[in-house]
Amino acid sequence: MESLIGHRFGRLTGISFMERRGGIYYWQCRCDCDSIRIVRATSLKNGVTKSCGCYHKDVVSKHGHTPIGIRSPTYRTWNAMISRCTNPKHISYANYGGRGIDVCERWHESFQDFLKDMGPRPNGTTLDRMDNNKGYSPENCRWASTEEQANNKRNSHLLIHNDTIHTVAQWAKITNIGRSTLNERIRRGWTIEQTLTTPPAPHQQYGKQHGV
């Protein structure tokens, strides 16, 4: 295996080897903007991935693309997809990149290709993977309402926050708030923001409820 440590690929510099998964080597890279991303070695070598996504962000911002530019729901969804699959510091990385969910090469660097394939995000929808064990690609993704996404998890209450969708149990692990506490907040009519961001009382923390 060729070491990519110290090698530059556009705005990215290899800093450490991460893993081999499905015959593909993944490397941790630091972007010139100081973001950390995990990228396929082949994507680095063939020039498909040249930044953490900030290059395209800069281009979009510079040329003022609206309404499908950096501030659009579609762009925010694309950016969130990339982050949770490649940034170990992202709050949801463990449930995405950490368990092998990745983004196809066509979408990884190009928001415009993502937009061409998916179209603008319709109101009331989020990006859904039809097979939850596969990554993000045109063949496996759709814009879907919460009700449609729930068909893949019939017994799970899904919550959407910051363009990320998880079950209550998954949010409990991410936020360190007990699942029963989250369910009680929902029952009382709390907003999603309040439910997931209000610090719990010490006895309500997820880790102290032994499996709750």
C-alpha atoms as a PDB file:
ATOM      1  CA  MET A   1       0.000   0.000   0.000  1.00  0.00           C
ATOM      2  CA  GLU A   2       1.378   3.400  -1.000  1.00  0.00           C
ATOM      3  CA  SER A   3       1.589   5.906   1.826  1.00  0.00           C
ATOM      4  CA  LEU A   4      -0.258   9.161   1.185  1.00  0.00           C
ATOM      5  CA  ILE A   5       0.974  10.901   4.331  1.00  0.00           C
ATOM      6  CA  GLY A   6       2.183  14.377   3.429  1.00  0.00           C
ATOM      7  CA  HIS A   7       0.974  14.121  -0.174  1.00  0.00           C
ATOM      8  CA  ARG A   8      -1.180  16.984  -1.456  1.00  0.00           C
ATOM      9  CA  PHE A   9      -4.273  16.480  -3.579  1.00  0.00           C
ATOM     10  CA  GLY A  10      -5.705  19.879  -4.414  1.00  0.00           C
ATOM     11  CA  ARG A  11      -6.558  21.392  -1.028  1.00  0.00           C
ATOM     12  CA  LEU A  12      -6.191  18.070   0.812  1.00  0.00           C
ATOM     13  CA  THR A  13      -3.099  16.644   2.494  1.00  0.00           C
ATOM     14  CA  GLY A  14      -2.916  13.026   3.650  1.00  0.00           C
ATOM     15  CA  ILE A  15      -2.278  12.741   7.400  1.00  0.00           C
ATOM     16  CA  SER A  16      -3.017   9.103   8.310  1.00  0.00           C
ATOM     17  CA  PHE A  17      -4.340   5.797   6.993  1.00  0.00           C
ATOM     18  CA  MET A  18      -7.818   4.969   8.313  1.00  0.00           C
ATOM     19  CA  GLU A  19      -8.916   1.558   7.058  1.00  0.00           C
ATOM     20  CA  ARG A  20      -9.411  -0.835   4.192  1.00  0.00           C
ATOM     21  CA  ARG A  21     -13.085  -1.474   3.530  1.00  0.00           C
ATOM     22  CA  GLY A  22     -14.428  -3.617   0.707  1.00  0.00           C
ATOM     23  CA  GLY A  23     -11.030  -3.597  -0.985  1.00  0.00           C
ATOM     24  CA  ILE A  24     -10.903   0.222  -0.903  1.00  0.00           C
ATOM     25  CA  TYR A  25      -8.324   2.160   1.088  1.00  0.00           C
ATOM     26  CA  TYR A  26      -9.462   5.208   3.058  1.00  0.00           C
ATOM     27  CA  TRP A  27      -7.167   8.001   4.239  1.00  0.00           C
ATOM     28  CA  GLN A  28      -7.705  10.794   6.719  1.00  0.00           C
ATOM     29  CA  CYS A  29      -6.860  14.144   5.151  1.00  0.00           C
ATOM     30  CA  ARG A  30      -6.607  17.710   6.336  1.00  0.00           C
ATOM     31  CA  CYS A  31      -8.029  20.405   4.083  1.00  0.00           C
ATOM     32  CA  ASP A  32      -6.462  23.835   3.684  1.00  0.00           C
ATOM     33  CA  CYS A  33      -9.515  25.189   5.556  1.00  0.00           C
ATOM     34  CA  ASP A  34      -8.401  22.947   8.489  1.00  0.00           C
ATOM     35  CA  SER A  35     -11.334  20.515   8.178  1.00  0.00           C
ATOM     36  CA  ILE A  36     -10.645  16.793   8.533  1.00  0.00           C
ATOM     37  CA  ARG A  37     -12.136  14.403   5.995  1.00  0.00           C
ATOM     38  CA  ILE A  38     -11.882  10.672   5.283  1.00  0.00           C
ATOM     39  CA  VAL A  39     -11.475  10.061   1.557  1.00  0.00           C
ATOM     40  CA  ARG A  40     -10.985   7.074  -0.750  1.00  0.00           C
ATOM     41  CA  ALA A  41      -7.399   6.764  -1.964  1.00  0.00           C
ATOM     42  CA  THR A  42      -8.637   6.324  -5.536  1.00  0.00           C
ATOM     43  CA  SER A  43     -10.666   9.550  -5.326  1.00  0.00           C
ATOM     44  CA  LEU A  44      -7.560  11.434  -4.227  1.00  0.00           C
ATOM     45  CA  LYS A  45      -5.288   9.954  -6.872  1.00  0.00           C
ATOM     46  CA  ASN A  46      -7.640  10.411  -9.807  1.00  0.00           C
ATOM     47  CA  GLY A  47      -8.517  13.968  -8.850  1.00  0.00           C
ATOM     48  CA  VAL A  48     -12.187  13.358  -8.111  1.00  0.00           C
ATOM     49  CA  THR A  49     -11.837  14.757  -4.576  1.00  0.00           C
ATOM     50  CA  LYS A  50      -9.690  17.862  -4.151  1.00  0.00           C
ATOM     51  CA  SER A  51     -11.123  19.461  -1.017  1.00  0.00           C
ATOM     52  CA  CYS A  52     -13.446  18.832   1.919  1.00  0.00           C
ATOM     53  CA  GLY A  53     -16.160  20.518  -0.119  1.00  0.00           C
ATOM     54  CA  CYS A  54     -15.018  24.064   0.631  1.00  0.00           C
ATOM     55  CA  TYR A  55     -13.782  24.589  -2.928  1.00  0.00           C
ATOM     56  CA  HIS A  56     -17.246  24.212  -4.347  1.00  0.00           C
ATOM     57  CA  LYS A  57     -18.632  26.268  -1.487  1.00  0.00           C
ATOM     58  CA  ASP A  58     -16.226  29.081  -2.401  1.00  0.00           C
ATOM     59  CA  VAL A  59     -17.195  28.891  -6.069  1.00  0.00           C
ATOM     60  CA  VAL A  60     -20.904  28.945  -5.301  1.00  0.00           C
ATOM     61  CA  SER A  61     -20.479  31.831  -2.882  1.00  0.00           C
ATOM     62  CA  LYS A  62     -18.302  33.812  -5.296  1.00  0.00           C
ATOM     63  CA  HIS A  63     -20.708  33.521  -8.189  1.00  0.00           C
ATOM     64  CA  GLY A  64     -23.802  34.054  -6.079  1.00  0.00           C
ATOM     65  CA  HIS A  65     -25.822  31.064  -7.261  1.00  0.00           C
ATOM     66  CA  THR A  66     -29.414  31.384  -6.037  1.00  0.00           C
ATOM     67  CA  PRO A  67     -31.838  29.945  -5.194  1.00  0.00           C
ATOM     68  CA  ILE A  68     -29.777  26.736  -5.423  1.00  0.00           C
ATOM     69  CA  GLY A  69     -26.652  28.188  -3.868  1.00  0.00           C
ATOM     70  CA  ILE A  70     -24.957  27.819  -0.533  1.00  0.00           C
ATOM     71  CA  ARG A  71     -27.952  28.931   1.541  1.00  0.00           C
ATOM     72  CA  SER A  72     -30.496  26.715  -0.192  1.00  0.00           C
ATOM     73  CA  PRO A  73     -32.029  23.664   1.540  1.00  0.00           C
ATOM     74  CA  THR A  74     -30.596  21.488  -1.250  1.00  0.00           C
ATOM     75  CA  TYR A  75     -27.041  22.695  -0.665  1.00  0.00           C
ATOM     76  CA  ARG A  76     -27.336  22.362   3.106  1.00  0.00           C
ATOM     77  CA  THR A  77     -28.527  18.771   2.639  1.00  0.00           C
ATOM     78  CA  TRP A  78     -25.599  17.980   0.351  1.00  0.00           C
ATOM     79  CA  ASN A  79     -23.099  19.529   2.750  1.00  0.00           C
ATOM     80  CA  ALA A  80     -24.584  17.680   5.739  1.00  0.00           C
ATOM     81  CA  MET A  81     -24.430  14.393   3.801  1.00  0.00           C
ATOM     82  CA  ILE A  82     -20.729  14.877   3.071  1.00  0.00           C
ATOM     83  CA  SER A  83     -19.926  15.905   6.640  1.00  0.00           C
ATOM     84  CA  ARG A  84     -21.609  13.031   8.453  1.00  0.00           C
ATOM     85  CA  CYS A  85     -19.938  10.500   6.136  1.00  0.00           C
ATOM     86  CA  THR A  86     -16.418  11.934   6.121  1.00  0.00           C
ATOM     87  CA  ASN A  87     -15.869  14.140   9.176  1.00  0.00           C
ATOM     88  CA  PRO A  88     -15.060  12.161  12.348  1.00  0.00           C
ATOM     89  CA  LYS A  89     -15.950  15.238  14.417  1.00  0.00           C
ATOM     90  CA  HIS A  90     -19.524  15.364  13.099  1.00  0.00           C
ATOM     91  CA  ILE A  91     -22.092  14.493  15.757  1.00  0.00           C
ATOM     92  CA  SER A  92     -23.591  11.762  13.529  1.00  0.00           C
ATOM     93  CA  TYR A  93     -20.372  10.332  12.076  1.00  0.00           C
ATOM     94  CA  ALA A  94     -20.565   7.136  14.135  1.00  0.00           C
ATOM     95  CA  ASN A  95     -23.897   6.247  12.521  1.00  0.00           C
ATOM     96  CA  TYR A  96     -22.745   7.073   8.986  1.00  0.00           C
ATOM     97  CA  GLY A  97     -19.072   7.160   8.011  1.00  0.00           C
ATOM     98  CA  GLY A  98     -18.193   5.254  11.151  1.00  0.00           C
ATOM     99  CA  ARG A  99     -20.252   2.266  10.061  1.00  0.00           C
ATOM    100  CA  GLY A 100     -19.278   2.329   6.392  1.00  0.00           C
ATOM    101  CA  ILE A 101     -21.898   4.625   4.870  1.00  0.00           C
ATOM    102  CA  ASP A 102     -20.180   6.704   2.194  1.00  0.00           C
ATOM    103  CA  VAL A 103     -20.981   9.068  -0.668  1.00  0.00           C
ATOM    104  CA  CYS A 104     -20.547   8.040  -4.306  1.00  0.00           C
ATOM    105  CA  GLU A 105     -17.662   9.689  -6.149  1.00  0.00           C
ATOM    106  CA  ARG A 106     -19.991  11.631  -8.450  1.00  0.00           C
ATOM    107  CA  TRP A 107     -21.588  13.436  -5.507  1.00  0.00           C
ATOM    108  CA  HIS A 108     -18.639  13.654  -3.151  1.00  0.00           C
ATOM    109  CA  GLU A 109     -17.015  16.700  -4.726  1.00  0.00           C
ATOM    110  CA  SER A 110     -19.754  18.102  -6.964  1.00  0.00           C
ATOM    111  CA  PHE A 111     -22.874  19.754  -5.627  1.00  0.00           C
ATOM    112  CA  GLN A 112     -23.920  20.451  -9.211  1.00  0.00           C
ATOM    113  CA  ASP A 113     -23.920  16.720 -10.036  1.00  0.00           C
ATOM    114  CA  PHE A 114     -25.930  16.038  -6.887  1.00  0.00           C
ATOM    115  CA  LEU A 115     -28.402  18.727  -7.962  1.00  0.00           C
ATOM    116  CA  LYS A 116     -28.634  17.321 -11.494  1.00  0.00           C
ATOM    117  CA  ASP A 117     -29.384  13.843 -10.174  1.00  0.00           C
ATOM    118  CA  MET A 118     -31.761  14.748  -7.337  1.00  0.00           C
ATOM    119  CA  GLY A 119     -33.222  18.113  -8.307  1.00  0.00           C
ATOM    120  CA  PRO A 120     -33.980  20.843  -5.734  1.00  0.00           C
ATOM    121  CA  ARG A 121     -35.186  19.554  -2.384  1.00  0.00           C
ATOM    122  CA  PRO A 122     -39.001  19.724  -2.175  1.00  0.00           C
ATOM    123  CA  ASN A 123     -40.505  21.373   0.894  1.00  0.00           C
ATOM    124  CA  GLY A 124     -41.177  18.957   3.737  1.00  0.00           C
ATOM    125  CA  THR A 125     -38.655  16.336   2.627  1.00  0.00           C
ATOM    126  CA  THR A 126     -35.169  15.159   3.524  1.00  0.00           C
ATOM    127  CA  LEU A 127     -32.641  12.975   1.738  1.00  0.00           C
ATOM    128  CA  ASP A 128     -33.511   9.312   2.236  1.00  0.00           C
ATOM    129  CA  ARG A 129     -31.470   6.180   1.523  1.00  0.00           C
ATOM    130  CA  MET A 130     -33.905   3.493   0.435  1.00  0.00           C
ATOM    131  CA  ASP A 131     -31.518   0.784   1.619  1.00  0.00           C
ATOM    132  CA  ASN A 132     -30.190   1.963   4.985  1.00  0.00           C
ATOM    133  CA  ASN A 133     -27.194  -0.356   4.715  1.00  0.00           C
ATOM    134  CA  LYS A 134     -25.936   1.242   1.490  1.00  0.00           C
ATOM    135  CA  GLY A 135     -24.348   4.625   0.868  1.00  0.00           C
ATOM    136  CA  TYR A 136     -25.495   7.789  -0.851  1.00  0.00           C
ATOM    137  CA  SER A 137     -25.854   7.445  -4.626  1.00  0.00           C
ATOM    138  CA  PRO A 138     -28.441   8.253  -7.314  1.00  0.00           C
ATOM    139  CA  GLU A 139     -29.626   4.654  -7.259  1.00  0.00           C
ATOM    140  CA  ASN A 140     -30.229   4.564  -3.506  1.00  0.00           C
ATOM    141  CA  CYS A 141     -31.521   8.042  -2.710  1.00  0.00           C
ATOM    142  CA  ARG A 142     -34.771   9.964  -2.951  1.00  0.00           C
ATOM    143  CA  TRP A 143     -36.419  13.029  -1.462  1.00  0.00           C
ATOM    144  CA  ALA A 144     -38.917  11.680   1.039  1.00  0.00           C
ATOM    145  CA  SER A 145     -41.190  12.909   3.782  1.00  0.00           C
ATOM    146  CA  THR A 146     -40.771  11.719   7.359  1.00  0.00           C
ATOM    147  CA  GLU A 147     -43.775   9.437   6.874  1.00  0.00           C
ATOM    148  CA  GLU A 148     -42.222   7.847   3.783  1.00  0.00           C
ATOM    149  CA  GLN A 149     -38.898   7.371   5.512  1.00  0.00           C
ATOM    150  CA  ALA A 150     -40.653   5.781   8.473  1.00  0.00           C
ATOM    151  CA  ASN A 151     -41.734   2.946   6.168  1.00  0.00           C
ATOM    152  CA  ASN A 152     -38.155   1.692   6.383  1.00  0.00           C
ATOM    153  CA  LYS A 153     -38.302   1.799  10.193  1.00  0.00           C
ATOM    154  CA  ARG A 154     -41.916   1.072  11.050  1.00  0.00           C
ATOM    155  CA  ASN A 155     -41.312   0.693  14.775  1.00  0.00           C
ATOM    156  CA  SER A 156     -39.058   3.707  15.129  1.00  0.00           C
ATOM    157  CA  HIS A 157     -39.962   7.309  15.879  1.00  0.00           C
ATOM    158  CA  LEU A 158     -37.831   9.409  13.520  1.00  0.00           C
ATOM    159  CA  LEU A 159     -36.633  12.906  14.398  1.00  0.00           C
ATOM    160  CA  ILE A 160     -35.084  15.335  11.910  1.00  0.00           C
ATOM    161  CA  HIS A 161     -32.655  17.980  13.167  1.00  0.00           C
ATOM    162  CA  ASN A 162     -30.162  20.013  11.129  1.00  0.00           C
ATOM    163  CA  ASP A 163     -30.905  17.993   7.977  1.00  0.00           C
ATOM    164  CA  THR A 164     -30.075  14.750   9.815  1.00  0.00           C
ATOM    165  CA  ILE A 165     -32.602  12.005  10.540  1.00  0.00           C
ATOM    166  CA  HIS A 166     -32.259   9.409  13.316  1.00  0.00           C
ATOM    167  CA  THR A 167     -34.465   7.270  15.494  1.00  0.00           C
ATOM    168  CA  VAL A 168     -35.059   8.340  19.091  1.00  0.00           C
ATOM    169  CA  ALA A 169     -32.704   5.578  20.227  1.00  0.00           C
ATOM    170  CA  GLN A 170     -29.945   6.876  17.946  1.00  0.00           C
ATOM    171  CA  TRP A 171     -30.467  10.470  19.084  1.00  0.00           C
ATOM    172  CA  ALA A 172     -30.261   9.246  22.691  1.00  0.00           C
ATOM    173  CA  LYS A 173     -26.760   7.914  22.046  1.00  0.00           C
ATOM    174  CA  ILE A 174     -25.694  11.014  20.111  1.00  0.00           C
ATOM    175  CA  THR A 175     -26.990  13.547  22.657  1.00  0.00           C
ATOM    176  CA  ASN A 176     -26.394  11.480  25.808  1.00  0.00           C
ATOM    177  CA  ILE A 177     -30.013  12.107  26.805  1.00  0.00           C
ATOM    178  CA  GLY A 178     -32.053   9.091  27.900  1.00  0.00           C
ATOM    179  CA  ARG A 179     -34.474   7.678  25.347  1.00  0.00           C
ATOM    180  CA  SER A 180     -37.326   7.803  27.846  1.00  0.00           C
ATOM    181  CA  THR A 181     -36.529  11.471  28.463  1.00  0.00           C
ATOM    182  CA  LEU A 182     -36.643  12.226  24.747  1.00  0.00           C
ATOM    183  CA  ASN A 183     -39.942  10.372  24.343  1.00  0.00           C
ATOM    184  CA  GLU A 184     -41.433  12.236  27.308  1.00  0.00           C
ATOM    185  CA  ARG A 185     -40.372  15.578  25.848  1.00  0.00           C
ATOM    186  CA  ILE A 186     -41.988  14.677  22.537  1.00  0.00           C
ATOM    187  CA  ARG A 187     -45.169  13.595  24.336  1.00  0.00           C
ATOM    188  CA  ARG A 188     -45.294  16.954  26.111  1.00  0.00           C
ATOM    189  CA  GLY A 189     -45.126  18.823  22.817  1.00  0.00           C
ATOM    190  CA  TRP A 190     -41.533  20.070  22.961  1.00  0.00           C
ATOM    191  CA  THR A 191     -40.034  21.203  19.657  1.00  0.00           C
ATOM    192  CA  ILE A 192     -37.365  19.000  18.071  1.00  0.00           C
ATOM    193  CA  GLU A 193     -34.777  21.681  18.849  1.00  0.00           C
ATOM    194  CA  GLN A 194     -35.757  21.763  22.527  1.00  0.00           C
ATOM    195  CA  THR A 195     -35.988  17.976  22.745  1.00  0.00           C
ATOM    196  CA  LEU A 196     -32.487  17.346  21.407  1.00  0.00           C
ATOM    197  CA  THR A 197     -30.536  20.317  22.749  1.00  0.00           C
ATOM    198  CA  THR A 198     -31.864  20.919  26.284  1.00  0.00           C
ATOM    199  CA  PRO A 199     -29.315  19.450  28.754  1.00  0.00           C
ATOM    200  CA  PRO A 200     -30.777  16.629  30.850  1.00  0.00           C
ATOM    201  CA  ALA A 201     -30.811  16.425  34.600  1.00  0.00           C
ATOM    202  CA  PRO A 202     -27.887  14.278  35.822  1.00  0.00           C
ATOM    203  CA  HIS A 203     -30.108  11.268  36.515  1.00  0.00           C
ATOM    204  CA  GLN A 204     -31.533  11.441  32.977  1.00  0.00           C
ATOM    205  CA  GLN A 205     -28.283  11.043  31.073  1.00  0.00           C
ATOM    206  CA  TYR A 206     -28.200   8.189  28.593  1.00  0.00           C
ATOM    207  CA  GLY A 207     -25.103   6.585  30.035  1.00  0.00           C
ATOM    208  CA  LYS A 208     -26.662   6.328  33.512  1.00  0.00           C
ATOM    209  CA  GLN A 209     -29.771   4.535  32.368  1.00  0.00           C
ATOM    210  CA  HIS A 210     -28.046   1.263  31.388  1.00  0.00           C
ATOM    211  CA  GLY A 211     -29.571   0.546  28.039  1.00  0.00           C
ATOM    212  CA  VAL A 212     -32.520   2.976  28.091  1.00  0.00           C
END
